[in-house]
Amino acid sequence: MNTLTASHGLARSAAPATPMVNALSIDVEDYFQVSAFAPHVRRDDWDAMECRVERNIDRILELLSDAGAKATFFTLGWVAERYPELVRRIADGGHELASHGFAHQRATEQSADEFRADIALAKAILEDIGGREVRGYRAPSFSIGKTNPWAFDAISEAGYRYSSSLYPIRHDHYGVPDAPRFAHEVRPGLLEVPAATVRLFSANWPAGGGGYFRLLPYAVSRWSLRRINARDGRPAMFYFHPWELDPEQPRIDGPGLKTRFRHYLNLHRMAPRIACLLRDFRWDRADRVFLDAAA
């Protein structure tokens, strides 16, 4: 033992481990395209609505640039068609361009043929605009589960390499509570990467972002992600939406109290929380965190 170490009563130790890299993802859709608003906003009226997705994505890109982080953008084909320069800014910034389908219809509300057409169209549009292969897909509202396992066959046949369409929790609109919590192969060559959960009291609890990130104190998300990284030894898949950083978005008429509460609460706190998230954890694209690791 050298003199300096001995005089300070210190033992040699290995350098601290590098913090785990998690996957950050953004579902690129506008405020009026949220599934909970579907009964109150007709798809035929989307083009007449005030679109705010472009300014909100630019704000997210700035936050990511300031933090030196990369992310995956699960982008609607409908948005890509109308804002091709936005798609190019995402791709040119080194972020992953992935698919959220074309028309933001839940997989559970489509026939198999409708679903195949929707995800194939979105992939073609995104690849044509972005000039890059689109390898990832996320179903709107995590709408793949026990009632439509054929969707995984369609995703694989369309040429995607991974999906992030399961949330292993119990929820009134989605969720498969007994699904595997971590990345797993659902079809040969197709990886499913569920949104992050924490296992407590024999149940899975949400830790992957979305409304829970806004509704609960930030410390809950920070503790949950640290637990997943440290105790489970796994990277987490986290997500949020551009409209969640937009407290000035137009209000939709008609939704009930629960829907309004879930959608509008703490929008003004979202940007500072994302900044904290980017500071407290290491983030990268989902394809690099999961596909490259599997390879």
Foldseek 3Di string as FASTA:
>chain_A
DDPVCVVVVHDDDDDDDDFAAFAEEAEQDFPCLAPLNPVQDPLVCVVVFDGDSQVLVVVVLVLCVVLVEEHEYAYALCVCVVCLVSLQVNLVSVHHYAHQWHRQDAPVPDDPVVLLVRRLSSQVSSCVSNVDHHAEYEYRPLRDDDVCLCSQVSSVVSPHQEYAREALADDPRHHNVPDDQAWDDPDVRYIYGYAHWDQDPNTTHHQAEELVCQPDDLVVNLVRQVCCCPVVVAHGHHYYYSCLLPLPGDDGPDRDPVVCCSSRHRSPVVVVSVSVVSVSHHYHYPCCRPVVVVD
